[in-house]
Amino acid sequence: STVTEDIKVGDIASPSSEEINAVELNNSKN
């Protein structure tokens, strides 16, 4: 039920390029 808690815009962090590359690499390997 905690997913209903308030979330401020300032608290949202964008993923780094390393994490995006990790997703793409995982897709390629798979």
mmCIF file of all heavy atoms, coordinates in Angstrom:
data_MODEL
# 
_entry.id   MODEL 
# 
loop_
_atom_site.group_PDB 
_atom_site.id 
_atom_site.type_symbol 
_atom_site.label_atom_id 
_atom_site.label_alt_id 
_atom_site.label_comp_id 
_atom_site.label_asym_id 
_atom_site.label_entity_id 
_atom_site.label_seq_id 
_atom_site.pdbx_PDB_ins_code 
_atom_site.Cartn_x 
_atom_site.Cartn_y 
_atom_site.Cartn_z 
_atom_site.occupancy 
_atom_site.B_iso_or_equiv 
_atom_site.pdbx_formal_charge 
_atom_site.auth_seq_id 
_atom_site.auth_comp_id 
_atom_site.auth_asym_id 
_atom_site.auth_atom_id 
_atom_site.pdbx_PDB_model_num 
ATOM 1   N N   . SER A 1 1  ? 0.809  -1.205  0.000   1.00 0.00 ? 1  SER A N   1 
ATOM 2   C CA  . SER A 1 1  ? 0.000  0.000   0.000   1.00 0.00 ? 1  SER A CA  1 
ATOM 3   C C   . SER A 1 1  ? 0.847  1.262   0.000   1.00 0.00 ? 1  SER A C   1 
ATOM 4   O O   . SER A 1 1  ? 0.349  2.346   -0.273  1.00 0.00 ? 1  SER A O   1 
ATOM 5   C CB  . SER A 1 1  ? -0.915 0.006   1.233   1.00 0.00 ? 1  SER A CB  1 
ATOM 6   O OG  . SER A 1 1  ? -0.123 -0.052  2.410   1.00 0.00 ? 1  SER A OG  1 
ATOM 7   N N   . THR A 1 2  ? 2.164  1.119   0.267   1.00 0.00 ? 2  THR A N   1 
ATOM 8   C CA  . THR A 1 2  ? 3.021  2.294   0.323   1.00 0.00 ? 2  THR A CA  1 
ATOM 9   C C   . THR A 1 2  ? 3.192  2.963   -1.036  1.00 0.00 ? 2  THR A C   1 
ATOM 10  O O   . THR A 1 2  ? 3.696  4.071   -1.113  1.00 0.00 ? 2  THR A O   1 
ATOM 11  C CB  . THR A 1 2  ? 4.413  1.914   0.859   1.00 0.00 ? 2  THR A CB  1 
ATOM 12  O OG1 . THR A 1 2  ? 4.924  0.827   0.079   1.00 0.00 ? 2  THR A OG1 1 
ATOM 13  C CG2 . THR A 1 2  ? 4.348  1.509   2.314   1.00 0.00 ? 2  THR A CG2 1 
ATOM 14  N N   . VAL A 1 3  ? 2.792  2.309   -2.115  1.00 0.00 ? 3  VAL A N   1 
ATOM 15  C CA  . VAL A 1 3  ? 2.944  2.923   -3.431  1.00 0.00 ? 3  VAL A CA  1 
ATOM 16  C C   . VAL A 1 3  ? 2.021  4.116   -3.593  1.00 0.00 ? 3  VAL A C   1 
ATOM 17  O O   . VAL A 1 3  ? 2.149  4.879   -4.537  1.00 0.00 ? 3  VAL A O   1 
ATOM 18  C CB  . VAL A 1 3  ? 2.664  1.922   -4.567  1.00 0.00 ? 3  VAL A CB  1 
ATOM 19  C CG1 . VAL A 1 3  ? 3.665  0.806   -4.535  1.00 0.00 ? 3  VAL A CG1 1 
ATOM 20  C CG2 . VAL A 1 3  ? 1.239  1.412   -4.522  1.00 0.00 ? 3  VAL A CG2 1 
ATOM 21  N N   . THR A 1 4  ? 1.102  4.304   -2.668  1.00 0.00 ? 4  THR A N   1 
ATOM 22  C CA  . THR A 1 4  ? 0.192  5.439   -2.764  1.00 0.00 ? 4  THR A CA  1 
ATOM 23  C C   . THR A 1 4  ? 0.755  6.678   -2.073  1.00 0.00 ? 4  THR A C   1 
ATOM 24  O O   . THR A 1 4  ? 0.109  7.715   -2.059  1.00 0.00 ? 4  THR A O   1 
ATOM 25  C CB  . THR A 1 4  ? -1.157 5.086   -2.122  1.00 0.00 ? 4  THR A CB  1 
ATOM 26  O OG1 . THR A 1 4  ? -0.955 4.750   -0.744  1.00 0.00 ? 4  THR A OG1 1 
ATOM 27  C CG2 . THR A 1 4  ? -1.790 3.892   -2.827  1.00 0.00 ? 4  THR A CG2 1 
ATOM 28  N N   . GLU A 1 5  ? 1.957  6.560   -1.487  1.00 0.00 ? 5  GLU A N   1 
ATOM 29  C CA  . GLU A 1 5  ? 2.538  7.715   -0.815  1.00 0.00 ? 5  GLU A CA  1 
ATOM 30  C C   . GLU A 1 5  ? 2.856  8.821   -1.810  1.00 0.00 ? 5  GLU A C   1 
ATOM 31  O O   . GLU A 1 5  ? 3.113  8.574   -2.974  1.00 0.00 ? 5  GLU A O   1 
ATOM 32  C CB  . GLU A 1 5  ? 3.815  7.296   -0.083  1.00 0.00 ? 5  GLU A CB  1 
ATOM 33  C CG  . GLU A 1 5  ? 3.556  6.339   1.079   1.00 0.00 ? 5  GLU A CG  1 
ATOM 34  C CD  . GLU A 1 5  ? 4.848  6.033   1.820   1.00 0.00 ? 5  GLU A CD  1 
ATOM 35  O OE1 . GLU A 1 5  ? 5.669  6.958   1.982   1.00 0.00 ? 5  GLU A OE1 1 
ATOM 36  O OE2 . GLU A 1 5  ? 5.037  4.885   2.205   1.00 0.00 ? 5  GLU A OE2 1 
ATOM 37  N N   . ASP A 1 6  ? 2.907  10.049  -1.320  1.00 0.00 ? 6  ASP A N   1 
ATOM 38  C CA  . ASP A 1 6  ? 3.218  11.196  -2.175  1.00 0.00 ? 6  ASP A CA  1 
ATOM 39  C C   . ASP A 1 6  ? 4.658  11.129  -2.657  1.00 0.00 ? 6  ASP A C   1 
ATOM 40  O O   . ASP A 1 6  ? 5.566  10.765  -1.912  1.00 0.00 ? 6  ASP A O   1 
ATOM 41  C CB  . ASP A 1 6  ? 3.013  12.508  -1.410  1.00 0.00 ? 6  ASP A CB  1 
ATOM 42  C CG  . ASP A 1 6  ? 1.554  12.725  -1.074  1.00 0.00 ? 6  ASP A CG  1 
ATOM 43  O OD1 . ASP A 1 6  ? 0.710  12.188  -1.819  1.00 0.00 ? 6  ASP A OD1 1 
ATOM 44  O OD2 . ASP A 1 6  ? 1.278  13.415  -0.077  1.00 0.00 ? 6  ASP A OD2 1 
ATOM 45  N N   . ILE A 1 7  ? 4.858  11.483  -3.913  1.00 0.00 ? 7  ILE A N   1 
ATOM 46  C CA  . ILE A 1 7  ? 6.187  11.519  -4.488  1.00 0.00 ? 7  ILE A CA  1 
ATOM 47  C C   . ILE A 1 7  ? 6.406  12.896  -5.086  1.00 0.00 ? 7  ILE A C   1 
ATOM 48  O O   . ILE A 1 7  ? 5.624  13.358  -5.919  1.00 0.00 ? 7  ILE A O   1 
ATOM 49  C CB  . ILE A 1 7  ? 6.349  10.451  -5.582  1.00 0.00 ? 7  ILE A CB  1 
ATOM 50  C CG1 . ILE A 1 7  ? 6.138  9.067   -4.987  1.00 0.00 ? 7  ILE A CG1 1 
ATOM 51  C CG2 . ILE A 1 7  ? 7.724  10.545  -6.233  1.00 0.00 ? 7  ILE A CG2 1 
ATOM 52  C CD1 . ILE A 1 7  ? 6.130  7.965   -6.026  1.00 0.00 ? 7  ILE A CD1 1 
ATOM 53  N N   . LYS A 1 8  ? 7.460  13.560  -4.672  1.00 0.00 ? 8  LYS A N   1 
ATOM 54  C CA  . LYS A 1 8  ? 7.754  14.882  -5.201  1.00 0.00 ? 8  LYS A CA  1 
ATOM 55  C C   . LYS A 1 8  ? 8.546  14.780  -6.487  1.00 0.00 ? 8  LYS A C   1 
ATOM 56  O O   . LYS A 1 8  ? 9.365  13.886  -6.654  1.00 0.00 ? 8  LYS A O   1 
ATOM 57  C CB  . LYS A 1 8  ? 8.557  15.687  -4.172  1.00 0.00 ? 8  LYS A CB  1 
ATOM 58  C CG  . LYS A 1 8  ? 7.781  16.008  -2.903  1.00 0.00 ? 8  LYS A CG  1 
ATOM 59  C CD  . LYS A 1 8  ? 8.636  16.817  -1.958  1.00 0.00 ? 8  LYS A CD  1 
ATOM 60  C CE  . LYS A 1 8  ? 7.871  17.148  -0.677  1.00 0.00 ? 8  LYS A CE  1 
ATOM 61  N NZ  . LYS A 1 8  ? 8.725  17.923  0.262   1.00 0.00 ? 8  LYS A NZ  1 
ATOM 62  N N   . VAL A 1 9  ? 8.321  15.739  -7.376  1.00 0.00 ? 9  VAL A N   1 
ATOM 63  C CA  . VAL A 1 9  ? 9.033  15.738  -8.644  1.00 0.00 ? 9  VAL A CA  1 
ATOM 64  C C   . VAL A 1 9  ? 10.529 15.800  -8.423  1.00 0.00 ? 9  VAL A C   1 
ATOM 65  O O   . VAL A 1 9  ? 11.315 15.147  -9.096  1.00 0.00 ? 9  VAL A O   1 
ATOM 66  C CB  . VAL A 1 9  ? 8.583  16.924  -9.522  1.00 0.00 ? 9  VAL A CB  1 
ATOM 67  C CG1 . VAL A 1 9  ? 9.419  17.000  -10.786 1.00 0.00 ? 9  VAL A CG1 1 
ATOM 68  C CG2 . VAL A 1 9  ? 7.109  16.799  -9.857  1.00 0.00 ? 9  VAL A CG2 1 
ATOM 69  N N   . GLY A 1 10 ? 10.956 16.555  -7.442  1.00 0.00 ? 10 GLY A N   1 
ATOM 70  C CA  . GLY A 1 10 ? 12.377 16.697  -7.188  1.00 0.00 ? 10 GLY A CA  1 
ATOM 71  C C   . GLY A 1 10 ? 13.039 15.427  -6.722  1.00 0.00 ? 10 GLY A C   1 
ATOM 72  O O   . GLY A 1 10 ? 14.272 15.322  -6.737  1.00 0.00 ? 10 GLY A O   1 
ATOM 73  N N   . ASP A 1 11 ? 12.255 14.459  -6.265  1.00 0.00 ? 11 ASP A N   1 
ATOM 74  C CA  . ASP A 1 11 ? 12.817 13.212  -5.776  1.00 0.00 ? 11 ASP A CA  1 
ATOM 75  C C   . ASP A 1 11 ? 13.094 12.220  -6.886  1.00 0.00 ? 11 ASP A C   1 
ATOM 76  O O   . ASP A 1 11 ? 13.664 11.156  -6.643  1.00 0.00 ? 11 ASP A O   1 
ATOM 77  C CB  . ASP A 1 11 ? 11.859 12.559  -4.761  1.00 0.00 ? 11 ASP A CB  1 
ATOM 78  C CG  . ASP A 1 11 ? 11.772 13.358  -3.476  1.00 0.00 ? 11 ASP A CG  1 
ATOM 79  O OD1 . ASP A 1 11 ? 12.743 14.093  -3.191  1.00 0.00 ? 11 ASP A OD1 1 
ATOM 80  O OD2 . ASP A 1 11 ? 10.758 13.239  -2.775  1.00 0.00 ? 11 ASP A OD2 1 
ATOM 81  N N   . ILE A 1 12 ? 12.656 12.494  -8.120  1.00 0.00 ? 12 ILE A N   1 
ATOM 82  C CA  . ILE A 1 12 ? 12.804 11.543  -9.215  1.00 0.00 ? 12 ILE A CA  1 
ATOM 83  C C   . ILE A 1 12 ? 14.191 11.681  -9.820  1.00 0.00 ? 12 ILE A C   1 
ATOM 84  O O   . ILE A 1 12 ? 14.598 12.758  -10.239 1.00 0.00 ? 12 ILE A O   1 
ATOM 85  C CB  . ILE A 1 12 ? 11.739 11.788  -10.303 1.00 0.00 ? 12 ILE A CB  1 
ATOM 86  C CG1 . ILE A 1 12 ? 10.340 11.580  -9.716  1.00 0.00 ? 12 ILE A CG1 1 
ATOM 87  C CG2 . ILE A 1 12 ? 11.964 10.857  -11.492 1.00 0.00 ? 12 ILE A CG2 1 
ATOM 88  C CD1 . ILE A 1 12 ? 9.229  11.883  -10.686 1.00 0.00 ? 12 ILE A CD1 1 
ATOM 89  N N   . ALA A 1 13 ? 14.913 10.564  -9.830  1.00 0.00 ? 13 ALA A N   1 
ATOM 90  C CA  . ALA A 1 13 ? 16.264 10.561  -10.386 1.00 0.00 ? 13 ALA A CA  1 
ATOM 91  C C   . ALA A 1 13 ? 16.254 9.884   -11.738 1.00 0.00 ? 13 ALA A C   1 
ATOM 92  O O   . ALA A 1 13 ? 15.632 8.838   -11.916 1.00 0.00 ? 13 ALA A O   1 
ATOM 93  C CB  . ALA A 1 13 ? 17.222 9.839   -9.451  1.00 0.00 ? 13 ALA A CB  1 
ATOM 94  N N   . SER A 1 14 ? 16.954 10.463  -12.721 1.00 0.00 ? 14 SER A N   1 
ATOM 95  C CA  . SER A 1 14 ? 17.035 9.861   -14.051 1.00 0.00 ? 14 SER A CA  1 
ATOM 96  C C   . SER A 1 14 ? 18.095 8.777   -14.064 1.00 0.00 ? 14 SER A C   1 
ATOM 97  O O   . SER A 1 14 ? 19.136 8.915   -13.430 1.00 0.00 ? 14 SER A O   1 
ATOM 98  C CB  . SER A 1 14 ? 17.397 10.926  -15.084 1.00 0.00 ? 14 SER A CB  1 
ATOM 99  O OG  . SER A 1 14 ? 16.423 11.936  -15.116 1.00 0.00 ? 14 SER A OG  1 
ATOM 100 N N   . PRO A 1 15 ? 17.863 7.667   -14.796 1.00 0.00 ? 15 PRO A N   1 
ATOM 101 C CA  . PRO A 1 15 ? 18.865 6.613   -14.877 1.00 0.00 ? 15 PRO A CA  1 
ATOM 102 C C   . PRO A 1 15 ? 20.094 7.101   -15.624 1.00 0.00 ? 15 PRO A C   1 
ATOM 103 O O   . PRO A 1 15 ? 19.994 7.906   -16.544 1.00 0.00 ? 15 PRO A O   1 
ATOM 104 C CB  . PRO A 1 15 ? 18.153 5.495   -15.647 1.00 0.00 ? 15 PRO A CB  1 
ATOM 105 C CG  . PRO A 1 15 ? 17.113 6.193   -16.437 1.00 0.00 ? 15 PRO A CG  1 
ATOM 106 C CD  . PRO A 1 15 ? 16.676 7.359   -15.597 1.00 0.00 ? 15 PRO A CD  1 
ATOM 107 N N   . SER A 1 16 ? 21.263 6.583   -15.206 1.00 0.00 ? 16 SER A N   1 
ATOM 108 C CA  . SER A 1 16 ? 22.502 6.969   -15.857 1.00 0.00 ? 16 SER A CA  1 
ATOM 109 C C   . SER A 1 16 ? 22.673 6.234   -17.171 1.00 0.00 ? 16 SER A C   1 
ATOM 110 O O   . SER A 1 16 ? 21.976 5.266   -17.458 1.00 0.00 ? 16 SER A O   1 
ATOM 111 C CB  . SER A 1 16 ? 23.685 6.645   -14.947 1.00 0.00 ? 16 SER A CB  1 
ATOM 112 O OG  . SER A 1 16 ? 23.795 5.234   -14.794 1.00 0.00 ? 16 SER A OG  1 
ATOM 113 N N   . SER A 1 17 ? 23.628 6.701   -17.997 1.00 0.00 ? 17 SER A N   1 
ATOM 114 C CA  . SER A 1 17 ? 23.898 6.038   -19.275 1.00 0.00 ? 17 SER A CA  1 
ATOM 115 C C   . SER A 1 17 ? 24.381 4.623   -19.069 1.00 0.00 ? 17 SER A C   1 
ATOM 116 O O   . SER A 1 17 ? 24.129 3.746   -19.885 1.00 0.00 ? 17 SER A O   1 
ATOM 117 C CB  . SER A 1 17 ? 24.936 6.846   -20.055 1.00 0.00 ? 17 SER A CB  1 
ATOM 118 O OG  . SER A 1 17 ? 26.154 6.947   -19.334 1.00 0.00 ? 17 SER A OG  1 
ATOM 119 N N   . GLU A 1 18 ? 25.078 4.365   -17.929 1.00 0.00 ? 18 GLU A N   1 
ATOM 120 C CA  . GLU A 1 18 ? 25.546 3.010   -17.662 1.00 0.00 ? 18 GLU A CA  1 
ATOM 121 C C   . GLU A 1 18 ? 24.380 2.054   -17.493 1.00 0.00 ? 18 GLU A C   1 
ATOM 122 O O   . GLU A 1 18 ? 24.403 0.916   -17.965 1.00 0.00 ? 18 GLU A O   1 
ATOM 123 C CB  . GLU A 1 18 ? 26.424 2.987   -16.399 1.00 0.00 ? 18 GLU A CB  1 
ATOM 124 C CG  . GLU A 1 18 ? 27.801 3.615   -16.578 1.00 0.00 ? 18 GLU A CG  1 
ATOM 125 C CD  . GLU A 1 18 ? 27.736 5.141   -16.442 1.00 0.00 ? 18 GLU A CD  1 
ATOM 126 O OE1 . GLU A 1 18 ? 26.640 5.671   -16.187 1.00 0.00 ? 18 GLU A OE1 1 
ATOM 127 O OE2 . GLU A 1 18 ? 28.791 5.774   -16.613 1.00 0.00 ? 18 GLU A OE2 1 
ATOM 128 N N   . GLU A 1 19 ? 23.336 2.523   -16.784 1.00 0.00 ? 19 GLU A N   1 
ATOM 129 C CA  . GLU A 1 19 ? 22.194 1.646   -16.552 1.00 0.00 ? 19 GLU A CA  1 
ATOM 130 C C   . GLU A 1 19 ? 21.401 1.431   -17.833 1.00 0.00 ? 19 GLU A C   1 
ATOM 131 O O   . GLU A 1 19 ? 20.891 0.338   -18.080 1.00 0.00 ? 19 GLU A O   1 
ATOM 132 C CB  . GLU A 1 19 ? 21.310 2.248   -15.454 1.00 0.00 ? 19 GLU A CB  1 
ATOM 133 C CG  . GLU A 1 19 ? 21.873 2.022   -14.058 1.00 0.00 ? 19 GLU A CG  1 
ATOM 134 C CD  . GLU A 1 19 ? 21.845 3.294   -13.226 1.00 0.00 ? 19 GLU A CD  1 
ATOM 135 O OE1 . GLU A 1 19 ? 21.221 4.269   -13.652 1.00 0.00 ? 19 GLU A OE1 1 
ATOM 136 O OE2 . GLU A 1 19 ? 22.457 3.297   -12.164 1.00 0.00 ? 19 GLU A OE2 1 
ATOM 137 N N   . ILE A 1 20 ? 21.297 2.460   -18.686 1.00 0.00 ? 20 ILE A N   1 
ATOM 138 C CA  . ILE A 1 20 ? 20.623 2.289   -19.970 1.00 0.00 ? 20 ILE A CA  1 
ATOM 139 C C   . ILE A 1 20 ? 21.384 1.301   -20.836 1.00 0.00 ? 20 ILE A C   1 
ATOM 140 O O   . ILE A 1 20 ? 20.811 0.420   -21.471 1.00 0.00 ? 20 ILE A O   1 
ATOM 141 C CB  . ILE A 1 20 ? 20.483 3.643   -20.695 1.00 0.00 ? 20 ILE A CB  1 
ATOM 142 C CG1 . ILE A 1 20 ? 19.544 4.564   -19.903 1.00 0.00 ? 20 ILE A CG1 1 
ATOM 143 C CG2 . ILE A 1 20 ? 19.968 3.452   -22.114 1.00 0.00 ? 20 ILE A CG2 1 
ATOM 144 C CD1 . ILE A 1 20 ? 19.484 5.971   -20.457 1.00 0.00 ? 20 ILE A CD1 1 
ATOM 145 N N   . ASN A 1 21 ? 22.714 1.429   -20.849 1.00 0.00 ? 21 ASN A N   1 
ATOM 146 C CA  . ASN A 1 21 ? 23.535 0.494   -21.615 1.00 0.00 ? 21 ASN A CA  1 
ATOM 147 C C   . ASN A 1 21 ? 23.402 -0.921  -21.095 1.00 0.00 ? 21 ASN A C   1 
ATOM 148 O O   . ASN A 1 21 ? 23.470 -1.890  -21.854 1.00 0.00 ? 21 ASN A O   1 
ATOM 149 C CB  . ASN A 1 21 ? 25.008 0.925   -21.571 1.00 0.00 ? 21 ASN A CB  1 
ATOM 150 C CG  . ASN A 1 21 ? 25.258 2.187   -22.369 1.00 0.00 ? 21 ASN A CG  1 
ATOM 151 O OD1 . ASN A 1 21 ? 24.501 2.494   -23.285 1.00 0.00 ? 21 ASN A OD1 1 
ATOM 152 N ND2 . ASN A 1 21 ? 26.311 2.921   -22.026 1.00 0.00 ? 21 ASN A ND2 1 
ATOM 153 N N   . ALA A 1 22 ? 23.237 -1.044  -19.773 1.00 0.00 ? 22 ALA A N   1 
ATOM 154 C CA  . ALA A 1 22 ? 23.091 -2.384  -19.200 1.00 0.00 ? 22 ALA A CA  1 
ATOM 155 C C   . ALA A 1 22 ? 21.831 -3.058  -19.713 1.00 0.00 ? 22 ALA A C   1 
ATOM 156 O O   . ALA A 1 22 ? 21.825 -4.252  -20.016 1.00 0.00 ? 22 ALA A O   1 
ATOM 157 C CB  . ALA A 1 22 ? 23.055 -2.301  -17.670 1.00 0.00 ? 22 ALA A CB  1 
ATOM 158 N N   . VAL A 1 23 ? 20.745 -2.296  -19.832 1.00 0.00 ? 23 VAL A N   1 
ATOM 159 C CA  . VAL A 1 23 ? 19.502 -2.849  -20.371 1.00 0.00 ? 23 VAL A CA  1 
ATOM 160 C C   . VAL A 1 23 ? 19.684 -3.274  -21.819 1.00 0.00 ? 23 VAL A C   1 
ATOM 161 O O   . VAL A 1 23 ? 19.278 -4.357  -22.231 1.00 0.00 ? 23 VAL A O   1 
ATOM 162 C CB  . VAL A 1 23 ? 18.363 -1.815  -20.257 1.00 0.00 ? 23 VAL A CB  1 
ATOM 163 C CG1 . VAL A 1 23 ? 17.106 -2.342  -20.937 1.00 0.00 ? 23 VAL A CG1 1 
ATOM 164 C CG2 . VAL A 1 23 ? 18.072 -1.511  -18.796 1.00 0.00 ? 23 VAL A CG2 1 
ATOM 165 N N   . GLU A 1 24 ? 20.332 -2.389  -22.622 1.00 0.00 ? 24 GLU A N   1 
ATOM 166 C CA  . GLU A 1 24 ? 20.531 -2.703  -24.034 1.00 0.00 ? 24 GLU A CA  1 
ATOM 167 C C   . GLU A 1 24 ? 21.439 -3.911  -24.201 1.00 0.00 ? 24 GLU A C   1 
ATOM 168 O O   . GLU A 1 24 ? 21.216 -4.769  -25.059 1.00 0.00 ? 24 GLU A O   1 
ATOM 169 C CB  . GLU A 1 24 ? 21.130 -1.490  -24.751 1.00 0.00 ? 24 GLU A CB  1 
ATOM 170 C CG  . GLU A 1 24 ? 20.158 -0.308  -24.819 1.00 0.00 ? 24 GLU A CG  1 
ATOM 171 C CD  . GLU A 1 24 ? 20.806 0.917   -25.414 1.00 0.00 ? 24 GLU A CD  1 
ATOM 172 O OE1 . GLU A 1 24 ? 22.039 0.925   -25.546 1.00 0.00 ? 24 GLU A OE1 1 
ATOM 173 O OE2 . GLU A 1 24 ? 20.061 1.871   -25.730 1.00 0.00 ? 24 GLU A OE2 1 
ATOM 174 N N   . LEU A 1 25 ? 22.489 -4.007  -23.355 1.00 0.00 ? 25 LEU A N   1 
ATOM 175 C CA  . LEU A 1 25 ? 23.398 -5.143  -23.438 1.00 0.00 ? 25 LEU A CA  1 
ATOM 176 C C   . LEU A 1 25 ? 22.688 -6.428  -23.081 1.00 0.00 ? 25 LEU A C   1 
ATOM 177 O O   . LEU A 1 25 ? 22.866 -7.458  -23.715 1.00 0.00 ? 25 LEU A O   1 
ATOM 178 C CB  . LEU A 1 25 ? 24.593 -4.915  -22.499 1.00 0.00 ? 25 LEU A CB  1 
ATOM 179 C CG  . LEU A 1 25 ? 25.635 -6.045  -22.438 1.00 0.00 ? 25 LEU A CG  1 
ATOM 180 C CD1 . LEU A 1 25 ? 26.249 -6.242  -23.822 1.00 0.00 ? 25 LEU A CD1 1 
ATOM 181 C CD2 . LEU A 1 25 ? 26.712 -5.721  -21.414 1.00 0.00 ? 25 LEU A CD2 1 
ATOM 182 N N   . ASN A 1 26 ? 21.818 -6.343  -22.059 1.00 0.00 ? 26 ASN A N   1 
ATOM 183 C CA  . ASN A 1 26 ? 21.059 -7.521  -21.672 1.00 0.00 ? 26 ASN A CA  1 
ATOM 184 C C   . ASN A 1 26 ? 20.168 -7.999  -22.803 1.00 0.00 ? 26 ASN A C   1 
ATOM 185 O O   . ASN A 1 26 ? 20.059 -9.195  -23.070 1.00 0.00 ? 26 ASN A O   1 
ATOM 186 C CB  . ASN A 1 26 ? 20.203 -7.201  -20.447 1.00 0.00 ? 26 ASN A CB  1 
ATOM 187 C CG  . ASN A 1 26 ? 19.304 -8.353  -20.055 1.00 0.00 ? 26 ASN A CG  1 
ATOM 188 O OD1 . ASN A 1 26 ? 19.774 -9.334  -19.501 1.00 0.00 ? 26 ASN A OD1 1 
ATOM 189 N ND2 . ASN A 1 26 ? 18.016 -8.232  -20.339 1.00 0.00 ? 26 ASN A ND2 1 
ATOM 190 N N   . ASN A 1 27 ? 19.523 -7.045  -23.499 1.00 0.00 ? 27 ASN A N   1 
ATOM 191 C CA  . ASN A 1 27 ? 18.665 -7.394  -24.627 1.00 0.00 ? 27 ASN A CA  1 
ATOM 192 C C   . ASN A 1 27 ? 19.465 -8.072  -25.726 1.00 0.00 ? 27 ASN A C   1 
ATOM 193 O O   . ASN A 1 27 ? 19.052 -9.074  -26.303 1.00 0.00 ? 27 ASN A O   1 
ATOM 194 C CB  . ASN A 1 27 ? 17.991 -6.124  -25.163 1.00 0.00 ? 27 ASN A CB  1 
ATOM 195 C CG  . ASN A 1 27 ? 16.956 -6.436  -26.213 1.00 0.00 ? 27 ASN A CG  1 
ATOM 196 O OD1 . ASN A 1 27 ? 16.407 -7.533  -26.222 1.00 0.00 ? 27 ASN A OD1 1 
ATOM 197 N ND2 . ASN A 1 27 ? 16.678 -5.480  -27.075 1.00 0.00 ? 27 ASN A ND2 1 
ATOM 198 N N   . SER A 1 28 ? 20.648 -7.510  -26.034 1.00 0.00 ? 28 SER A N   1 
ATOM 199 C CA  . SER A 1 28 ? 21.488 -8.072  -27.086 1.00 0.00 ? 28 SER A CA  1 
ATOM 200 C C   . SER A 1 28 ? 21.941 -9.472  -26.750 1.00 0.00 ? 28 SER A C   1 
ATOM 201 O O   . SER A 1 28 ? 21.866 -10.388 -27.565 1.00 0.00 ? 28 SER A O   1 
ATOM 202 C CB  . SER A 1 28 ? 22.699 -7.160  -27.312 1.00 0.00 ? 28 SER A CB  1 
ATOM 203 O OG  . SER A 1 28 ? 23.581 -7.729  -28.252 1.00 0.00 ? 28 SER A OG  1 
ATOM 204 N N   . LYS A 1 29 ? 22.389 -9.676  -25.513 1.00 0.00 ? 29 LYS A N   1 
ATOM 205 C CA  . LYS A 1 29 ? 22.851 -11.003 -25.106 1.00 0.00 ? 29 LYS A CA  1 
ATOM 206 C C   . LYS A 1 29 ? 21.715 -12.012 -25.120 1.00 0.00 ? 29 LYS A C   1 
ATOM 207 O O   . LYS A 1 29 ? 21.870 -13.151 -25.512 1.00 0.00 ? 29 LYS A O   1 
ATOM 208 C CB  . LYS A 1 29 ? 23.473 -10.927 -23.703 1.00 0.00 ? 29 LYS A CB  1 
ATOM 209 C CG  . LYS A 1 29 ? 24.824 -10.235 -23.674 1.00 0.00 ? 29 LYS A CG  1 
ATOM 210 C CD  . LYS A 1 29 ? 25.388 -10.241 -22.259 1.00 0.00 ? 29 LYS A CD  1 
ATOM 211 C CE  . LYS A 1 29 ? 26.773 -9.615  -22.235 1.00 0.00 ? 29 LYS A CE  1 
ATOM 212 N NZ  . LYS A 1 29 ? 27.328 -9.592  -20.861 1.00 0.00 ? 29 LYS A NZ  1 
ATOM 213 N N   . ASN A 1 30 ? 20.540 -11.558 -24.660 1.00 0.00 ? 30 ASN A N   1 
ATOM 214 C CA  . ASN A 1 30 ? 19.405 -12.465 -24.612 1.00 0.00 ? 30 ASN A CA  1 
ATOM 215 C C   . ASN A 1 30 ? 19.001 -12.908 -26.007 1.00 0.00 ? 30 ASN A C   1 
ATOM 216 O O   . ASN A 1 30 ? 18.737 -14.078 -26.251 1.00 0.00 ? 30 ASN A O   1 
ATOM 217 C CB  . ASN A 1 30 ? 18.221 -11.771 -23.920 1.00 0.00 ? 30 ASN A CB  1 
ATOM 218 C CG  . ASN A 1 30 ? 17.118 -12.738 -23.569 1.00 0.00 ? 30 ASN A CG  1 
ATOM 219 O OD1 . ASN A 1 30 ? 17.383 -13.813 -23.047 1.00 0.00 ? 30 ASN A OD1 1 
ATOM 220 N ND2 . ASN A 1 30 ? 15.887 -12.354 -23.831 1.00 0.00 ? 30 ASN A ND2 1 
# 
